[in-house]
Amino acid sequence: MTTDEMNQVPNLDAPFLPPIENPEDESLKQTYNSMQQQFGKVITPLKIHWARLPPAFLQWATKINELDMMLQLPPQTAMFIRGQVARLNVCLFCIDANRFAAMQMYKNEAKVDELNQYKTSPLFTEAERAALDYTTELMKEKKVNPATFARLQRYYSEREICEIVYLIASEHVYNMTNIGLNIHSDMLCSIPPK
């Protein structure tokens, strides 16, 4: 490595790979147009990560969104679980995207903004606290205490518990993708809701 290379300070605010602004693949172009219409911009993970992979990978990511629509868990609970995983992983893109989704769905992001205080905030139910405690413990410890699981079982069915695990795992994949490529917030919350 030359002295010039060693003296170059990387820009930690920029993704490690340059965005692909004009993809050649027709289906990807359609996805870019759809994103532009939905968010007012093409989200960075699409331009950095998904655009470089075969279409089946983007189809997998789209399938995650479709599967989320099939959950029996309340959508707000699912959003809090994804938000907690993103917060614990410090995935700035996903934290921003989760807040944007809350603004779109509920026109009120106050509860999302209280996520780091869910244990004491009066905005959260005991069931939500049990799910978030389970999420936090699994993320931090990579295992779950039987007492934490027993508390979760008081509020959620076996299917809902499996959905919680799915949400934690799939959000973790998204987070590691963004963190691994140095993708930060897209400032979606600065875009006025439609």
Protein backbone atom coordinates (compact mmCIF):
# COMPACT_ATOMS: atom_id res chain seq x y z
CA MET A 1 0.00 0.00 0.00
CA THR A 2 1.38 3.39 -0.95
CA THR A 3 1.64 6.34 1.45
CA ASP A 4 -1.07 8.17 -0.50
CA GLU A 5 -3.42 5.19 -0.11
CA MET A 6 -2.71 4.98 3.63
CA ASN A 7 -3.29 8.72 4.09
CA GLN A 8 -6.67 8.68 2.33
CA VAL A 9 -9.44 8.89 4.90
CA PRO A 10 -12.51 6.94 3.84
CA ASN A 11 -15.79 8.82 3.70
CA LEU A 12 -17.78 7.02 6.37
CA ASP A 13 -20.90 8.95 5.39
CA ALA A 14 -20.99 7.37 1.93
CA PRO A 15 -21.82 3.77 1.01
CA PHE A 16 -18.82 1.58 0.29
CA LEU A 17 -20.08 0.94 -3.27
CA PRO A 18 -21.32 3.61 -5.68
CA PRO A 19 -25.05 3.62 -6.41
CA ILE A 20 -26.29 2.24 -9.70
CA GLU A 21 -28.47 5.10 -10.89
CA ASN A 22 -29.45 3.72 -14.33
CA PRO A 23 -29.81 -0.06 -14.31
CA GLU A 24 -29.82 -1.98 -17.57
CA ASP A 25 -32.28 -4.66 -16.44
CA GLU A 26 -35.85 -3.77 -17.48
CA SER A 27 -37.50 -5.23 -14.37
CA LEU A 28 -35.07 -3.28 -12.18
CA LYS A 29 -35.91 -0.10 -14.11
CA GLN A 30 -39.58 -0.74 -13.31
CA THR A 31 -38.73 -1.24 -9.66
CA TYR A 32 -36.80 2.04 -9.63
CA ASN A 33 -39.83 3.82 -11.15
CA SER A 34 -42.14 2.27 -8.58
CA MET A 35 -39.83 3.36 -5.75
CA GLN A 36 -39.65 6.85 -7.19
CA GLN A 37 -43.45 7.04 -7.16
CA GLN A 38 -43.80 5.52 -3.69
CA PHE A 39 -41.03 7.35 -1.83
CA GLY A 40 -40.12 10.26 -4.08
CA LYS A 41 -36.71 8.65 -4.55
CA VAL A 42 -35.08 5.30 -5.23
CA ILE A 43 -33.99 3.96 -1.86
CA THR A 44 -30.26 3.50 -1.41
CA PRO A 45 -30.25 -0.24 -0.57
CA LEU A 46 -31.88 -0.90 -3.94
CA LYS A 47 -29.25 1.14 -5.82
CA ILE A 48 -26.29 -0.25 -3.85
CA HIS A 49 -27.12 -3.85 -2.98
CA TRP A 50 -30.11 -5.30 -4.79
CA ALA A 51 -29.17 -3.79 -8.18
CA ARG A 52 -25.91 -5.77 -8.17
CA LEU A 53 -27.54 -9.14 -7.55
CA PRO A 54 -29.54 -11.42 -9.84
CA PRO A 55 -33.28 -10.56 -9.93
CA ALA A 56 -34.15 -13.53 -7.68
CA PHE A 57 -32.54 -11.73 -4.72
CA LEU A 58 -34.77 -8.69 -5.16
CA GLN A 59 -37.74 -11.03 -5.57
CA TRP A 60 -36.79 -12.55 -2.21
CA ALA A 61 -36.79 -9.08 -0.60
CA THR A 62 -40.17 -8.36 -2.18
CA LYS A 63 -41.46 -11.67 -0.86
CA ILE A 64 -40.55 -10.58 2.69
CA ASN A 65 -42.91 -7.62 2.29
CA GLU A 66 -45.64 -9.92 0.96
CA LEU A 67 -45.14 -12.32 3.86
CA ASP A 68 -45.45 -9.44 6.32
CA MET A 69 -49.00 -8.91 4.99
CA MET A 70 -49.86 -12.49 6.01
CA LEU A 71 -48.90 -12.08 9.67
CA GLN A 72 -51.49 -12.58 12.38
CA LEU A 73 -49.59 -10.21 14.66
CA PRO A 74 -50.98 -6.68 14.74
CA PRO A 75 -49.11 -4.62 12.10
CA GLN A 76 -48.06 -2.09 14.73
CA THR A 77 -46.49 -4.84 16.87
CA ALA A 78 -44.61 -6.16 13.84
CA MET A 79 -43.39 -2.62 13.15
CA PHE A 80 -42.13 -2.24 16.72
CA ILE A 81 -40.28 -5.56 16.56
CA ARG A 82 -38.57 -4.60 13.28
CA GLY A 83 -37.82 -1.16 14.73
CA GLN A 84 -36.28 -2.63 17.87
CA VAL A 85 -34.03 -4.96 15.86
CA ALA A 86 -32.91 -2.04 13.67
CA ARG A 87 -32.31 0.11 16.75
CA LEU A 88 -30.24 -2.59 18.49
CA ASN A 89 -28.21 -3.18 15.31
CA VAL A 90 -27.92 0.59 14.76
CA CYS A 91 -29.11 0.31 11.16
CA LEU A 92 -29.77 3.95 10.37
CA PHE A 93 -31.56 3.21 7.11
CA CYS A 94 -33.98 0.79 8.76
CA ILE A 95 -34.60 3.04 11.77
CA ASP A 96 -35.53 5.83 9.34
CA ALA A 97 -37.61 3.52 7.12
CA ASN A 98 -39.48 2.15 10.15
CA ARG A 99 -40.31 5.67 11.36
CA PHE A 100 -41.44 6.61 7.84
CA ALA A 101 -43.73 3.57 7.74
CA ALA A 102 -45.20 4.55 11.12
CA MET A 103 -45.88 8.03 9.80
CA GLN A 104 -47.60 6.58 6.75
CA MET A 105 -49.66 3.97 8.62
CA TYR A 106 -50.57 5.80 11.80
CA LYS A 107 -49.91 9.47 11.04
CA ASN A 108 -48.19 9.52 14.42
CA GLU A 109 -44.61 8.44 15.02
CA ALA A 110 -44.66 9.21 18.77
CA LYS A 111 -44.77 5.55 19.77
CA VAL A 112 -41.91 4.68 17.41
CA ASP A 113 -39.92 7.55 18.92
CA GLU A 114 -40.53 6.03 22.38
CA LEU A 115 -39.20 2.61 21.35
CA ASN A 116 -35.99 3.03 23.35
CA GLN A 117 -38.18 3.62 26.44
CA TYR A 118 -40.74 0.88 25.79
CA LYS A 119 -40.25 -0.63 29.26
CA THR A 120 -41.55 2.49 31.01
CA SER A 121 -43.52 4.33 28.34
CA PRO A 122 -47.30 4.30 28.94
CA LEU A 123 -47.76 4.10 25.16
CA PHE A 124 -46.83 0.38 25.12
CA THR A 125 -49.04 -2.49 26.24
CA GLU A 126 -47.80 -5.37 28.39
CA ALA A 127 -48.06 -7.65 25.34
CA GLU A 128 -45.87 -5.29 23.31
CA ARG A 129 -43.37 -5.08 26.17
CA ALA A 130 -43.19 -8.89 26.31
CA ALA A 131 -42.52 -9.05 22.55
CA LEU A 132 -39.91 -6.30 22.76
CA ASP A 133 -38.21 -7.89 25.79
CA TYR A 134 -38.03 -11.17 23.88
CA THR A 135 -36.66 -9.34 20.81
CA THR A 136 -34.08 -7.46 22.84
CA GLU A 137 -32.89 -10.53 24.70
CA LEU A 138 -32.60 -12.64 21.54
CA MET A 139 -30.70 -9.88 19.75
CA LYS A 140 -28.31 -9.11 22.59
CA GLU A 141 -27.78 -12.55 24.12
CA LYS A 142 -28.34 -14.74 21.04
CA LYS A 143 -30.51 -16.90 23.29
CA VAL A 144 -33.69 -16.49 25.33
CA ASN A 145 -34.32 -17.18 29.00
CA PRO A 146 -37.22 -19.63 29.54
CA ALA A 147 -38.91 -17.05 31.80
CA THR A 148 -38.84 -14.49 28.98
CA PHE A 149 -40.34 -17.05 26.62
CA ALA A 150 -43.02 -18.02 29.16
CA ARG A 151 -44.02 -14.36 29.49
CA LEU A 152 -44.25 -14.09 25.68
CA GLN A 153 -46.54 -17.16 25.64
CA ARG A 154 -49.02 -15.37 27.93
CA TYR A 155 -49.80 -12.89 25.16
CA TYR A 156 -49.11 -14.61 21.85
CA SER A 157 -50.15 -17.82 20.09
CA GLU A 158 -47.57 -20.32 18.86
CA ARG A 159 -47.98 -18.98 15.33
CA GLU A 160 -47.53 -15.39 16.51
CA ILE A 161 -44.38 -16.36 18.41
CA CYS A 162 -43.00 -17.93 15.22
CA GLU A 163 -43.91 -14.71 13.40
CA ILE A 164 -41.97 -12.70 15.99
CA VAL A 165 -38.91 -14.89 15.40
CA TYR A 166 -39.33 -14.47 11.63
CA LEU A 167 -39.53 -10.67 12.01
CA ILE A 168 -36.37 -10.58 14.12
CA ALA A 169 -34.45 -12.79 11.67
CA SER A 170 -35.58 -11.07 8.47
CA GLU A 171 -34.98 -7.58 9.89
CA HIS A 172 -31.51 -8.67 10.98
CA VAL A 173 -30.73 -9.66 7.36
CA TYR A 174 -31.81 -6.23 6.13
CA ASN A 175 -29.79 -4.51 8.85
CA MET A 176 -26.60 -6.44 8.17
CA THR A 177 -26.94 -5.74 4.44
CA ASN A 178 -27.10 -1.99 5.07
CA ILE A 179 -24.45 -1.92 7.79
CA GLY A 180 -22.09 -4.13 5.76
CA LEU A 181 -22.27 -1.73 2.82
CA ASN A 182 -22.24 1.44 4.95
CA ILE A 183 -25.75 2.44 3.87
CA HIS A 184 -27.15 5.11 6.18
CA SER A 185 -30.50 6.87 6.50
CA ASP A 186 -32.24 7.96 3.31
CA MET A 187 -33.98 10.71 5.29
CA LEU A 188 -37.35 9.28 4.30
CA CYS A 189 -38.95 11.01 7.25
CA SER A 190 -38.13 14.35 5.68
CA ILE A 191 -40.39 13.45 2.75
CA PRO A 192 -43.95 14.59 3.48
CA PRO A 193 -46.40 11.69 3.73
CA LYS A 194 -48.76 11.30 0.75
